[in-house]
Amino acid sequence: MVIPIDIVGLDNLIPSIGDGKVVVVESGLDPAKSYFIRRIALSAARTGGSFVFLTSRGQQEVLDLLKAERPVSATVAADPDSLMDVIELGSIEEAGDLGDSSAPLFVVDSFSMLTLSHSPGSLAELMQEFRSRCQKNGTIFVLGTDRGMQDSRSEAIIAHLSDGVIEFHTKEIPDGLTRYLRVPKWTDGKFIDRNVYYDFNGKRMAIDVRRRVL
């Protein structure tokens, strides 16, 4: 399954996520990250692909957000709710080996919260398990991480063992708060060596590739 990046402007920079990839979506205290990974899940569902959504937040809260944010589309399956399997966890170990699910997409938000007890070594083993599953079954993993929640070595391991990384940033400027994203590497082997401005109002993300963010 190929999952389109369903955000105008960003889709020109990183059009899609292909089969068998591990993608990390990182941010600080910005809800744009969680919105973005929900959009990836809904983009998969719109084309008929099911997904498992693992979260440290309330299950019903996430389900309500997914249902509220999903677009009306003629291409979506007749029963879109059947494509959504949202599971609330206290740690990633509670998910078992995920072997009982054949879903082509696994979303984990927040991966850093659910792996707080992992040492860098065990975190590397877990990432390798994800990569092995992806390579064997063509599964896609999207991992939402919170900047600063883990030590720098663990953060480096997660980024190194992923196929793509997208970072959401916020910065204080004289005019107020500005938001920008970076893509240090992506699944097709390229990277975007600049800051890309975006705006987010809680319900919609707008990309402005013309605006320069220093």
N, C-alpha and C. Protein backbone atom coordinates (compact mmCIF):
# COMPACT_ATOMS: atom_id res chain seq x y z
N MET A 1 0.84 -1.19 0.00
CA MET A 1 0.00 0.00 0.00
C MET A 1 0.88 1.24 0.00
N VAL A 2 0.49 2.21 -0.80
CA VAL A 2 1.14 3.52 -0.80
C VAL A 2 0.16 4.51 -0.18
N ILE A 3 0.61 5.25 0.82
CA ILE A 3 -0.26 6.19 1.53
C ILE A 3 0.09 7.61 1.07
N PRO A 4 -0.84 8.30 0.42
CA PRO A 4 -0.57 9.68 0.01
C PRO A 4 -0.45 10.61 1.21
N ILE A 5 0.43 11.60 1.09
CA ILE A 5 0.49 12.67 2.08
C ILE A 5 -0.58 13.68 1.70
N ASP A 6 -1.66 13.65 2.42
CA ASP A 6 -2.88 14.37 2.02
C ASP A 6 -2.94 15.78 2.62
N ILE A 7 -1.86 16.55 2.41
CA ILE A 7 -1.82 17.94 2.86
C ILE A 7 -1.27 18.77 1.70
N VAL A 8 -2.06 19.68 1.22
CA VAL A 8 -1.68 20.47 0.04
C VAL A 8 -0.40 21.24 0.32
N GLY A 9 0.53 21.19 -0.61
CA GLY A 9 1.82 21.85 -0.46
C GLY A 9 2.87 20.88 0.04
N LEU A 10 2.57 20.19 1.12
CA LEU A 10 3.51 19.19 1.63
C LEU A 10 3.56 17.99 0.70
N ASP A 11 2.44 17.70 0.01
CA ASP A 11 2.42 16.55 -0.89
C ASP A 11 3.34 16.74 -2.09
N ASN A 12 3.72 17.97 -2.39
CA ASN A 12 4.70 18.21 -3.46
C ASN A 12 6.12 17.91 -3.02
N LEU A 13 6.36 18.01 -1.72
CA LEU A 13 7.69 17.78 -1.17
C LEU A 13 7.90 16.31 -0.81
N ILE A 14 6.92 15.72 -0.15
CA ILE A 14 6.96 14.30 0.21
C ILE A 14 5.61 13.70 -0.18
N PRO A 15 5.47 13.21 -1.41
CA PRO A 15 4.17 12.80 -1.93
C PRO A 15 3.50 11.65 -1.20
N SER A 16 4.29 10.68 -0.69
CA SER A 16 3.66 9.48 -0.16
C SER A 16 4.62 8.70 0.72
N ILE A 17 4.06 7.72 1.41
CA ILE A 17 4.84 6.72 2.15
C ILE A 17 4.58 5.38 1.48
N GLY A 18 5.64 4.71 1.07
CA GLY A 18 5.50 3.44 0.37
C GLY A 18 5.53 2.24 1.29
N ASP A 19 5.29 1.08 0.71
CA ASP A 19 5.28 -0.18 1.45
C ASP A 19 6.58 -0.39 2.22
N GLY A 20 6.43 -0.98 3.40
CA GLY A 20 7.58 -1.47 4.13
C GLY A 20 8.48 -0.40 4.73
N LYS A 21 7.91 0.74 5.10
CA LYS A 21 8.72 1.84 5.62
C LYS A 21 8.38 2.13 7.08
N VAL A 22 9.40 2.60 7.80
CA VAL A 22 9.23 3.10 9.16
C VAL A 22 9.47 4.60 9.12
N VAL A 23 8.46 5.38 9.53
CA VAL A 23 8.55 6.84 9.49
C VAL A 23 8.37 7.38 10.89
N VAL A 24 9.22 8.32 11.27
CA VAL A 24 9.15 8.99 12.56
C VAL A 24 8.64 10.41 12.37
N VAL A 25 7.66 10.79 13.17
CA VAL A 25 7.12 12.15 13.16
C VAL A 25 7.38 12.73 14.55
N GLU A 26 8.23 13.76 14.60
CA GLU A 26 8.71 14.29 15.88
C GLU A 26 8.25 15.73 16.08
N SER A 27 7.95 16.07 17.32
CA SER A 27 7.65 17.47 17.63
C SER A 27 7.89 17.72 19.11
N GLY A 28 7.83 19.01 19.48
CA GLY A 28 7.80 19.39 20.89
C GLY A 28 6.35 19.45 21.33
N LEU A 29 6.02 20.47 22.10
CA LEU A 29 4.65 20.62 22.59
C LEU A 29 3.79 21.29 21.53
N ASP A 30 3.49 20.54 20.48
CA ASP A 30 2.71 21.07 19.37
C ASP A 30 1.74 19.99 18.92
N PRO A 31 0.44 20.24 18.94
CA PRO A 31 -0.52 19.21 18.53
C PRO A 31 -0.50 18.90 17.04
N ALA A 32 0.29 19.64 16.27
CA ALA A 32 0.36 19.40 14.82
C ALA A 32 0.86 17.99 14.52
N LYS A 33 1.76 17.48 15.35
CA LYS A 33 2.28 16.13 15.12
C LYS A 33 1.18 15.09 15.15
N SER A 34 0.37 15.13 16.20
CA SER A 34 -0.71 14.14 16.33
C SER A 34 -1.74 14.31 15.23
N TYR A 35 -2.03 15.55 14.87
CA TYR A 35 -2.94 15.80 13.75
C TYR A 35 -2.39 15.19 12.47
N PHE A 36 -1.09 15.38 12.23
CA PHE A 36 -0.46 14.89 11.01
C PHE A 36 -0.53 13.37 10.92
N ILE A 37 -0.25 12.66 12.01
CA ILE A 37 -0.27 11.21 11.92
C ILE A 37 -1.70 10.67 11.83
N ARG A 38 -2.65 11.41 12.38
CA ARG A 38 -4.05 11.01 12.15
C ARG A 38 -4.41 11.18 10.68
N ARG A 39 -3.90 12.22 10.05
CA ARG A 39 -4.15 12.42 8.63
C ARG A 39 -3.57 11.28 7.79
N ILE A 40 -2.42 10.78 8.19
CA ILE A 40 -1.83 9.63 7.49
C ILE A 40 -2.75 8.42 7.62
N ALA A 41 -3.24 8.16 8.83
CA ALA A 41 -4.15 7.03 9.05
C ALA A 41 -5.41 7.18 8.22
N LEU A 42 -5.98 8.37 8.21
CA LEU A 42 -7.21 8.60 7.45
C LEU A 42 -6.97 8.54 5.95
N SER A 43 -5.79 8.93 5.51
CA SER A 43 -5.45 8.82 4.09
C SER A 43 -5.39 7.36 3.67
N ALA A 44 -4.87 6.50 4.57
CA ALA A 44 -4.86 5.06 4.28
C ALA A 44 -6.28 4.52 4.22
N ALA A 45 -7.13 4.92 5.17
CA ALA A 45 -8.51 4.43 5.21
C ALA A 45 -9.30 4.89 4.00
N ARG A 46 -9.00 6.09 3.50
CA ARG A 46 -9.74 6.62 2.36
C ARG A 46 -9.57 5.74 1.12
N THR A 47 -8.45 5.08 1.03
CA THR A 47 -8.18 4.19 -0.10
C THR A 47 -8.49 2.73 0.24
N GLY A 48 -9.16 2.51 1.38
CA GLY A 48 -9.59 1.16 1.72
C GLY A 48 -8.63 0.37 2.57
N GLY A 49 -7.55 1.02 3.06
CA GLY A 49 -6.58 0.32 3.89
C GLY A 49 -6.92 0.44 5.37
N SER A 50 -6.84 -0.64 6.10
CA SER A 50 -7.11 -0.60 7.53
C SER A 50 -5.86 -0.15 8.29
N PHE A 51 -6.05 0.25 9.54
CA PHE A 51 -4.90 0.64 10.34
C PHE A 51 -5.16 0.32 11.81
N VAL A 52 -4.05 0.11 12.52
CA VAL A 52 -4.05 -0.03 13.97
C VAL A 52 -3.40 1.22 14.54
N PHE A 53 -4.09 1.86 15.46
CA PHE A 53 -3.62 3.12 16.04
C PHE A 53 -3.38 2.89 17.52
N LEU A 54 -2.12 2.86 17.93
CA LEU A 54 -1.75 2.65 19.32
C LEU A 54 -1.50 4.01 19.96
N THR A 55 -2.09 4.24 21.12
CA THR A 55 -2.01 5.57 21.73
C THR A 55 -1.89 5.46 23.25
N SER A 56 -1.23 6.45 23.82
CA SER A 56 -1.18 6.57 25.28
C SER A 56 -2.32 7.45 25.79
N ARG A 57 -3.06 8.04 24.87
CA ARG A 57 -4.20 8.89 25.24
C ARG A 57 -5.47 8.02 25.31
N GLY A 58 -6.59 8.65 25.65
CA GLY A 58 -7.82 7.90 25.75
C GLY A 58 -8.29 7.36 24.41
N GLN A 59 -8.71 6.11 24.39
CA GLN A 59 -9.15 5.48 23.15
C GLN A 59 -10.32 6.25 22.52
N GLN A 60 -11.31 6.60 23.32
CA GLN A 60 -12.48 7.28 22.77
C GLN A 60 -12.13 8.67 22.26
N GLU A 61 -11.23 9.33 22.93
CA GLU A 61 -10.79 10.66 22.47
C GLU A 61 -10.20 10.58 21.06
N VAL A 62 -9.33 9.59 20.85
CA VAL A 62 -8.70 9.44 19.53
C VAL A 62 -9.73 9.03 18.48
N LEU A 63 -10.62 8.11 18.84
CA LEU A 63 -11.67 7.71 17.90
C LEU A 63 -12.53 8.91 17.49
N ASP A 64 -12.89 9.74 18.45
CA ASP A 64 -13.71 10.91 18.15
C ASP A 64 -12.98 11.86 17.21
N LEU A 65 -11.69 12.06 17.43
CA LEU A 65 -10.91 12.93 16.56
C LEU A 65 -10.83 12.37 15.14
N LEU A 66 -10.58 11.07 15.04
CA LEU A 66 -10.50 10.44 13.72
C LEU A 66 -11.82 10.56 12.96
N LYS A 67 -12.92 10.33 13.66
CA LYS A 67 -14.22 10.41 13.01
C LYS A 67 -14.55 11.84 12.60
N ALA A 68 -14.17 12.80 13.44
CA ALA A 68 -14.44 14.20 13.13
C ALA A 68 -13.59 14.71 11.97
N GLU A 69 -12.38 14.19 11.84
CA GLU A 69 -11.43 14.71 10.86
C GLU A 69 -11.46 13.98 9.52
N ARG A 70 -12.09 12.82 9.47
CA ARG A 70 -12.06 12.08 8.21
C ARG A 70 -12.87 12.81 7.14
N PRO A 71 -12.31 12.90 5.95
CA PRO A 71 -13.03 13.60 4.87
C PRO A 71 -14.13 12.72 4.30
N VAL A 72 -15.14 13.35 3.76
CA VAL A 72 -16.19 12.62 3.05
C VAL A 72 -15.66 12.31 1.65
N SER A 73 -15.60 11.04 1.30
CA SER A 73 -15.02 10.65 0.01
C SER A 73 -15.77 9.46 -0.56
N ALA A 74 -15.98 9.49 -1.84
CA ALA A 74 -16.67 8.39 -2.50
C ALA A 74 -15.80 7.14 -2.57
N THR A 75 -14.49 7.30 -2.35
CA THR A 75 -13.59 6.16 -2.48
C THR A 75 -13.40 5.40 -1.17
N VAL A 76 -13.94 5.96 -0.07
CA VAL A 76 -13.75 5.29 1.20
C VAL A 76 -14.61 4.03 1.27
N ALA A 77 -14.19 3.10 2.09
CA ALA A 77 -14.94 1.85 2.22
C ALA A 77 -16.35 2.13 2.75
N ALA A 78 -17.27 1.21 2.50
CA ALA A 78 -18.67 1.40 2.92
C ALA A 78 -18.80 1.57 4.42
N ASP A 79 -17.95 0.89 5.17
CA ASP A 79 -18.00 1.00 6.64
C ASP A 79 -16.62 1.46 7.13
N PRO A 80 -16.34 2.77 7.06
CA PRO A 80 -15.01 3.25 7.42
C PRO A 80 -14.63 2.95 8.86
N ASP A 81 -15.59 2.88 9.77
CA ASP A 81 -15.26 2.58 11.17
C ASP A 81 -14.60 1.22 11.32
N SER A 82 -14.92 0.30 10.42
CA SER A 82 -14.33 -1.04 10.50
C SER A 82 -12.84 -1.03 10.17
N LEU A 83 -12.35 0.06 9.57
CA LEU A 83 -10.94 0.15 9.21
C LEU A 83 -10.09 0.67 10.36
N MET A 84 -10.74 1.19 11.40
CA MET A 84 -10.03 1.82 12.50
C MET A 84 -9.98 0.89 13.71
N ASP A 85 -8.78 0.56 14.16
CA ASP A 85 -8.61 -0.21 15.39
C ASP A 85 -7.73 0.62 16.31
N VAL A 86 -8.36 1.34 17.25
CA VAL A 86 -7.64 2.22 18.17
C VAL A 86 -7.47 1.50 19.50
N ILE A 87 -6.23 1.42 19.97
CA ILE A 87 -5.91 0.68 21.18
C ILE A 87 -5.16 1.60 22.14
N GLU A 88 -5.68 1.71 23.35
CA GLU A 88 -5.02 2.53 24.38
C GLU A 88 -4.07 1.64 25.18
N LEU A 89 -2.82 2.10 25.34
CA LEU A 89 -1.79 1.32 26.01
C LEU A 89 -1.09 2.16 27.07
N GLY A 90 -0.52 1.48 28.05
CA GLY A 90 0.35 2.15 29.01
C GLY A 90 1.81 2.02 28.65
N SER A 91 2.14 0.98 27.88
CA SER A 91 3.50 0.77 27.39
C SER A 91 3.41 -0.05 26.12
N ILE A 92 4.46 -0.04 25.33
CA ILE A 92 4.44 -0.73 24.05
C ILE A 92 4.38 -2.24 24.25
N GLU A 93 4.85 -2.74 25.41
CA GLU A 93 4.81 -4.18 25.67
C GLU A 93 3.39 -4.71 25.70
N GLU A 94 2.42 -3.88 26.07
CA GLU A 94 1.03 -4.31 26.14
C GLU A 94 0.46 -4.66 24.77
N ALA A 95 1.14 -4.23 23.71
CA ALA A 95 0.67 -4.54 22.36
C ALA A 95 1.07 -5.94 21.92
N GLY A 96 1.89 -6.61 22.70
CA GLY A 96 2.36 -7.94 22.29
C GLY A 96 3.28 -7.82 21.09
N ASP A 97 3.26 -8.85 20.23
CA ASP A 97 4.12 -8.80 19.04
C ASP A 97 3.37 -8.32 17.81
N LEU A 98 2.12 -7.90 17.99
CA LEU A 98 1.29 -7.39 16.90
C LEU A 98 1.05 -8.44 15.80
N GLY A 99 1.38 -9.67 16.13
CA GLY A 99 1.31 -10.70 15.10
C GLY A 99 -0.09 -11.09 14.68
N ASP A 100 -1.09 -10.75 15.49
CA ASP A 100 -2.46 -11.13 15.15
C ASP A 100 -3.13 -10.18 14.17
N SER A 101 -2.48 -9.07 13.87
CA SER A 101 -3.09 -8.08 12.98
C SER A 101 -2.42 -8.10 11.61
N SER A 102 -3.24 -8.07 10.57
CA SER A 102 -2.72 -8.02 9.20
C SER A 102 -2.87 -6.62 8.62
N ALA A 103 -3.17 -5.63 9.45
CA ALA A 103 -3.34 -4.27 8.97
C ALA A 103 -2.06 -3.79 8.27
N PRO A 104 -2.18 -3.08 7.15
CA PRO A 104 -1.00 -2.61 6.45
C PRO A 104 -0.34 -1.40 7.08
N LEU A 105 -1.02 -0.77 8.06
CA LEU A 105 -0.48 0.43 8.69
C LEU A 105 -0.61 0.35 10.20
N PHE A 106 0.48 0.66 10.90
CA PHE A 106 0.48 0.80 12.35
C PHE A 106 0.93 2.22 12.68
N VAL A 107 0.11 2.91 13.44
CA VAL A 107 0.45 4.24 13.92
C VAL A 107 0.64 4.16 15.43
N VAL A 108 1.74 4.72 15.93
CA VAL A 108 2.01 4.71 17.37
C VAL A 108 2.19 6.15 17.84
N ASP A 109 1.24 6.62 18.66
CA ASP A 109 1.30 7.98 19.19
C ASP A 109 0.90 7.92 20.67
N SER A 110 1.85 8.10 21.56
CA SER A 110 3.20 8.59 21.38
C SER A 110 4.20 7.45 21.63
N PHE A 111 5.04 7.21 20.63
CA PHE A 111 6.02 6.14 20.73
C PHE A 111 7.00 6.39 21.87
N SER A 112 7.43 7.64 22.04
CA SER A 112 8.40 7.95 23.10
C SER A 112 7.81 7.71 24.48
N MET A 113 6.54 8.02 24.66
CA MET A 113 5.88 7.77 25.94
C MET A 113 5.76 6.27 26.22
N LEU A 114 5.39 5.51 25.21
CA LEU A 114 5.15 4.08 25.38
C LEU A 114 6.43 3.27 25.51
N THR A 115 7.58 3.90 25.26
CA THR A 115 8.87 3.18 25.36
C THR A 115 9.79 3.82 26.40
N LEU A 116 9.23 4.52 27.37
CA LEU A 116 10.05 5.21 28.37
C LEU A 116 10.94 4.25 29.16
N SER A 117 10.49 3.02 29.35
CA SER A 117 11.26 2.08 30.15
C SER A 117 12.38 1.39 29.36
N HIS A 118 12.46 1.66 28.06
CA HIS A 118 13.45 0.98 27.21
C HIS A 118 14.82 1.64 27.33
N SER A 119 15.84 0.80 27.45
CA SER A 119 17.21 1.27 27.32
C SER A 119 17.50 1.52 25.84
N PRO A 120 18.56 2.26 25.52
CA PRO A 120 18.90 2.43 24.10
C PRO A 120 19.05 1.10 23.36
N GLY A 121 19.63 0.11 24.03
CA GLY A 121 19.81 -1.19 23.38
C GLY A 121 18.49 -1.88 23.07
N SER A 122 17.57 -1.90 24.04
CA SER A 122 16.28 -2.56 23.81
C SER A 122 15.43 -1.75 22.83
N LEU A 123 15.62 -0.44 22.81
CA LEU A 123 14.92 0.39 21.84
C LEU A 123 15.40 0.07 20.42
N ALA A 124 16.70 -0.14 20.26
CA ALA A 124 17.24 -0.52 18.96
C ALA A 124 16.68 -1.86 18.51
N GLU A 125 16.56 -2.81 19.44
CA GLU A 125 15.99 -4.12 19.11
C GLU A 125 14.53 -3.98 18.66
N LEU A 126 13.77 -3.13 19.35
CA LEU A 126 12.38 -2.92 18.98
C LEU A 126 12.26 -2.30 17.60
N MET A 127 13.09 -1.32 17.32
CA MET A 127 13.08 -0.70 15.98
C MET A 127 13.45 -1.72 14.90
N GLN A 128 14.39 -2.58 15.21
CA GLN A 128 14.77 -3.62 14.25
C GLN A 128 13.62 -4.61 14.03
N GLU A 129 12.86 -4.90 15.09
CA GLU A 129 11.69 -5.76 14.93
C GLU A 129 10.67 -5.11 14.00
N PHE A 130 10.44 -3.81 14.16
CA PHE A 130 9.54 -3.09 13.27
C PHE A 130 10.03 -3.16 11.83
N ARG A 131 11.33 -2.93 11.64
CA ARG A 131 11.90 -2.95 10.29
C ARG A 131 11.77 -4.33 9.66
N SER A 132 11.98 -5.38 10.46
CA SER A 132 11.87 -6.74 9.95
C SER A 132 10.44 -7.03 9.50
N ARG A 133 9.46 -6.61 10.31
CA ARG A 133 8.06 -6.81 9.94
C ARG A 133 7.72 -6.04 8.67
N CYS A 134 8.23 -4.83 8.57
CA CYS A 134 7.98 -4.02 7.37
C CYS A 134 8.54 -4.68 6.12
N GLN A 135 9.77 -5.15 6.22
CA GLN A 135 10.42 -5.76 5.07
C GLN A 135 9.76 -7.08 4.68
N LYS A 136 9.25 -7.81 5.67
CA LYS A 136 8.63 -9.10 5.39
C LYS A 136 7.23 -8.96 4.82
N ASN A 137 6.44 -8.05 5.39
CA ASN A 137 5.01 -7.97 5.06
C ASN A 137 4.61 -6.72 4.29
N GLY A 138 5.55 -5.80 4.11
CA GLY A 138 5.19 -4.54 3.46
C GLY A 138 4.42 -3.61 4.37
N THR A 139 4.45 -3.89 5.67
CA THR A 139 3.74 -3.05 6.65
C THR A 139 4.40 -1.68 6.74
N ILE A 140 3.61 -0.67 7.05
CA ILE A 140 4.12 0.68 7.30
C ILE A 140 3.94 1.00 8.78
N PHE A 141 4.99 1.53 9.41
CA PHE A 141 4.92 2.01 10.78
C PHE A 141 5.14 3.52 10.79
N VAL A 142 4.25 4.24 11.46
CA VAL A 142 4.40 5.68 11.67
C VAL A 142 4.48 5.91 13.17
N LEU A 143 5.60 6.43 13.63
CA LEU A 143 5.87 6.58 15.06
C LEU A 143 5.91 8.05 15.43
N GLY A 144 4.98 8.47 16.28
CA GLY A 144 4.98 9.84 16.78
C GLY A 144 5.83 9.94 18.03
N THR A 145 6.82 10.84 18.03
CA THR A 145 7.72 10.98 19.18
C THR A 145 7.71 12.42 19.68
N ASP A 146 7.97 12.56 20.98
CA ASP A 146 7.99 13.86 21.63
C ASP A 146 9.42 14.25 21.94
N ARG A 147 9.84 15.35 21.38
CA ARG A 147 11.21 15.81 21.54
C ARG A 147 11.55 16.05 23.00
N GLY A 148 12.70 15.49 23.44
CA GLY A 148 13.16 15.69 24.81
C GLY A 148 12.64 14.69 25.80
N MET A 149 11.73 13.81 25.40
CA MET A 149 11.20 12.84 26.35
C MET A 149 12.20 11.72 26.60
N GLN A 150 13.04 11.42 25.61
CA GLN A 150 14.06 10.39 25.76
C GLN A 150 15.44 11.03 25.66
N ASP A 151 16.46 10.29 26.06
CA ASP A 151 17.81 10.86 25.99
C ASP A 151 18.25 10.96 24.53
N SER A 152 19.29 11.73 24.31
CA SER A 152 19.73 12.02 22.94
C SER A 152 20.18 10.75 22.20
N ARG A 153 20.75 9.79 22.91
CA ARG A 153 21.18 8.55 22.26
C ARG A 153 19.97 7.76 21.74
N SER A 154 18.93 7.67 22.56
CA SER A 154 17.72 6.96 22.14
C SER A 154 17.06 7.67 20.95
N GLU A 155 17.00 9.00 20.99
CA GLU A 155 16.43 9.75 19.87
C GLU A 155 17.22 9.50 18.60
N ALA A 156 18.55 9.43 18.72
CA ALA A 156 19.39 9.18 17.55
C ALA A 156 19.17 7.78 17.00
N ILE A 157 18.97 6.80 17.87
CA ILE A 157 18.72 5.43 17.44
C ILE A 157 17.41 5.35 16.66
N ILE A 158 16.36 6.00 17.18
CA ILE A 158 15.06 5.98 16.50
C ILE A 158 15.18 6.60 15.12
N ALA A 159 15.87 7.75 15.03
CA ALA A 159 16.02 8.41 13.73
C ALA A 159 16.86 7.57 12.78
N HIS A 160 17.94 6.97 13.29
CA HIS A 160 18.84 6.18 12.43
C HIS A 160 18.15 4.96 11.86
N LEU A 161 17.30 4.31 12.64
CA LEU A 161 16.67 3.07 12.19
C LEU A 161 15.32 3.30 11.52
N SER A 162 15.01 4.54 11.23
CA SER A 162 13.80 4.85 10.48
C SER A 162 14.16 5.08 9.01
N ASP A 163 13.14 5.03 8.15
CA ASP A 163 13.33 5.30 6.73
C ASP A 163 13.03 6.74 6.38
N GLY A 164 12.29 7.40 7.24
CA GLY A 164 11.93 8.79 7.01
C GLY A 164 11.70 9.50 8.33
N VAL A 165 12.06 10.78 8.38
CA VAL A 165 11.86 11.58 9.58
C VAL A 165 11.28 12.93 9.17
N ILE A 166 10.23 13.34 9.83
CA ILE A 166 9.69 14.68 9.66
C ILE A 166 9.61 15.32 11.04
N GLU A 167 10.11 16.55 11.14
CA GLU A 167 10.17 17.24 12.43
C GLU A 167 9.31 18.49 12.38
N PHE A 168 8.46 18.66 13.38
CA PHE A 168 7.66 19.87 13.53
C PHE A 168 8.29 20.75 14.62
N HIS A 169 8.48 22.03 14.30
CA HIS A 169 9.13 22.96 15.22
C HIS A 169 8.28 24.21 15.41
N THR A 170 8.44 24.83 16.57
CA THR A 170 7.88 26.15 16.83
C THR A 170 9.00 27.06 17.31
N LYS A 171 8.88 28.35 17.00
CA LYS A 171 9.94 29.30 17.33
C LYS A 171 9.34 30.66 17.60
N GLU A 172 9.84 31.31 18.67
CA GLU A 172 9.41 32.66 18.98
C GLU A 172 10.16 33.65 18.09
N ILE A 173 9.42 34.54 17.43
CA ILE A 173 10.00 35.61 16.62
C ILE A 173 9.38 36.93 17.09
N PRO A 174 9.92 38.06 16.67
CA PRO A 174 9.37 39.34 17.14
C PRO A 174 7.87 39.48 16.91
N ASP A 175 7.36 38.89 15.85
CA ASP A 175 5.93 39.01 15.54
C ASP A 175 5.07 38.00 16.29
N GLY A 176 5.70 37.11 17.05
CA GLY A 176 4.94 36.09 17.77
C GLY A 176 5.52 34.71 17.54
N LEU A 177 4.67 33.71 17.43
CA LEU A 177 5.09 32.32 17.27
C LEU A 177 5.05 31.92 15.80
N THR A 178 6.10 31.30 15.32
CA THR A 178 6.10 30.77 13.97
C THR A 178 6.32 29.27 14.01
N ARG A 179 5.75 28.58 13.05
CA ARG A 179 5.85 27.12 12.97
C ARG A 179 6.53 26.74 11.67
N TYR A 180 7.40 25.73 11.74
CA TYR A 180 8.04 25.23 10.53
C TYR A 180 8.35 23.76 10.71
N LEU A 181 8.52 23.09 9.61
CA LEU A 181 8.86 21.67 9.63
C LEU A 181 10.13 21.44 8.83
N ARG A 182 10.79 20.35 9.15
CA ARG A 182 11.99 19.91 8.43
C ARG A 182 11.85 18.43 8.10
N VAL A 183 12.46 18.03 7.00
CA VAL A 183 12.48 16.62 6.60
C VAL A 183 13.94 16.23 6.39
N PRO A 184 14.65 15.82 7.45
CA PRO A 184 16.07 15.49 7.30
C PRO A 184 16.33 14.26 6.45
N LYS A 185 15.35 13.36 6.34
CA LYS A 185 15.45 12.25 5.38
C LYS A 185 14.06 11.73 5.11
N TRP A 186 13.88 11.17 3.92
CA TRP A 186 12.58 10.64 3.58
C TRP A 186 12.73 9.28 2.91
N THR A 187 11.61 8.60 2.72
CA THR A 187 11.61 7.20 2.32
C THR A 187 12.15 6.99 0.91
N ASP A 188 12.17 8.03 0.08
CA ASP A 188 12.70 7.88 -1.27
C ASP A 188 14.17 8.27 -1.35
N GLY A 189 14.80 8.50 -0.22
CA GLY A 189 16.23 8.79 -0.19
C GLY A 189 16.58 10.27 -0.23
N LYS A 190 15.61 11.14 -0.38
CA LYS A 190 15.93 12.56 -0.45
C LYS A 190 15.71 13.22 0.91
N PHE A 191 16.18 14.47 1.02
CA PHE A 191 15.90 15.26 2.21
C PHE A 191 15.63 16.69 1.77
N ILE A 192 14.95 17.42 2.63
CA ILE A 192 14.61 18.80 2.33
C ILE A 192 15.47 19.69 3.23
N ASP A 193 16.46 20.33 2.64
CA ASP A 193 17.45 21.08 3.40
C ASP A 193 16.99 22.53 3.60
N ARG A 194 15.82 22.70 4.17
CA ARG A 194 15.32 24.04 4.50
C ARG A 194 14.15 23.92 5.44
N ASN A 195 13.82 25.02 6.06
CA ASN A 195 12.65 25.07 6.93
C ASN A 195 11.42 25.39 6.09
N VAL A 196 10.36 24.64 6.29
CA VAL A 196 9.12 24.82 5.54
C VAL A 196 8.06 25.36 6.50
N TYR A 197 7.56 26.54 6.22
CA TYR A 197 6.59 27.18 7.09
C TYR A 197 5.24 26.46 7.02
N TYR A 198 4.59 26.34 8.17
CA TYR A 198 3.21 25.84 8.18
C TYR A 198 2.41 26.58 9.24
N ASP A 199 1.12 26.57 9.05
CA ASP A 199 0.21 27.13 10.03
C ASP A 199 -0.76 26.03 10.44
N PHE A 200 -1.17 26.04 11.69
CA PHE A 200 -2.07 25.01 12.19
C PHE A 200 -3.02 25.64 13.19
N ASN A 201 -4.32 25.50 12.93
CA ASN A 201 -5.32 26.09 13.81
C ASN A 201 -6.08 25.06 14.63
N GLY A 202 -5.57 23.84 14.66
CA GLY A 202 -6.22 22.77 15.41
C GLY A 202 -7.11 21.89 14.54
N LYS A 203 -7.51 22.41 13.38
CA LYS A 203 -8.38 21.65 12.48
C LYS A 203 -7.83 21.55 11.06
N ARG A 204 -6.88 22.38 10.75
CA ARG A 204 -6.36 22.41 9.39
C ARG A 204 -4.90 22.83 9.40
N MET A 205 -4.10 22.17 8.56
CA MET A 205 -2.70 22.51 8.41
C MET A 205 -2.48 23.12 7.03
N ALA A 206 -1.84 24.27 6.99
CA ALA A 206 -1.56 24.95 5.73
C ALA A 206 -0.06 25.10 5.56
N ILE A 207 0.44 24.72 4.40
CA ILE A 207 1.86 24.78 4.09
C ILE A 207 2.11 25.97 3.19
N ASP A 208 3.17 26.74 3.49
CA ASP A 208 3.55 27.87 2.65
C ASP A 208 5.02 27.71 2.28
N VAL A 209 5.28 27.15 1.11
CA VAL A 209 6.66 26.89 0.69
C VAL A 209 7.36 28.17 0.24
N ARG A 210 6.62 29.26 0.07
CA ARG A 210 7.23 30.52 -0.37
C ARG A 210 7.80 31.32 0.78
N ARG A 211 7.27 31.09 1.97
CA ARG A 211 7.72 31.88 3.13
C ARG A 211 9.03 31.34 3.67
N ARG A 212 9.94 32.24 3.97
CA ARG A 212 11.23 31.86 4.48
C ARG A 212 11.23 31.91 6.00
N VAL A 213 11.66 30.82 6.61
CA VAL A 213 11.76 30.74 8.06
C VAL A 213 13.23 30.59 8.42
N LEU A 214 13.76 31.55 9.15
CA LEU A 214 15.18 31.51 9.51
C LEU A 214 15.39 30.74 10.80
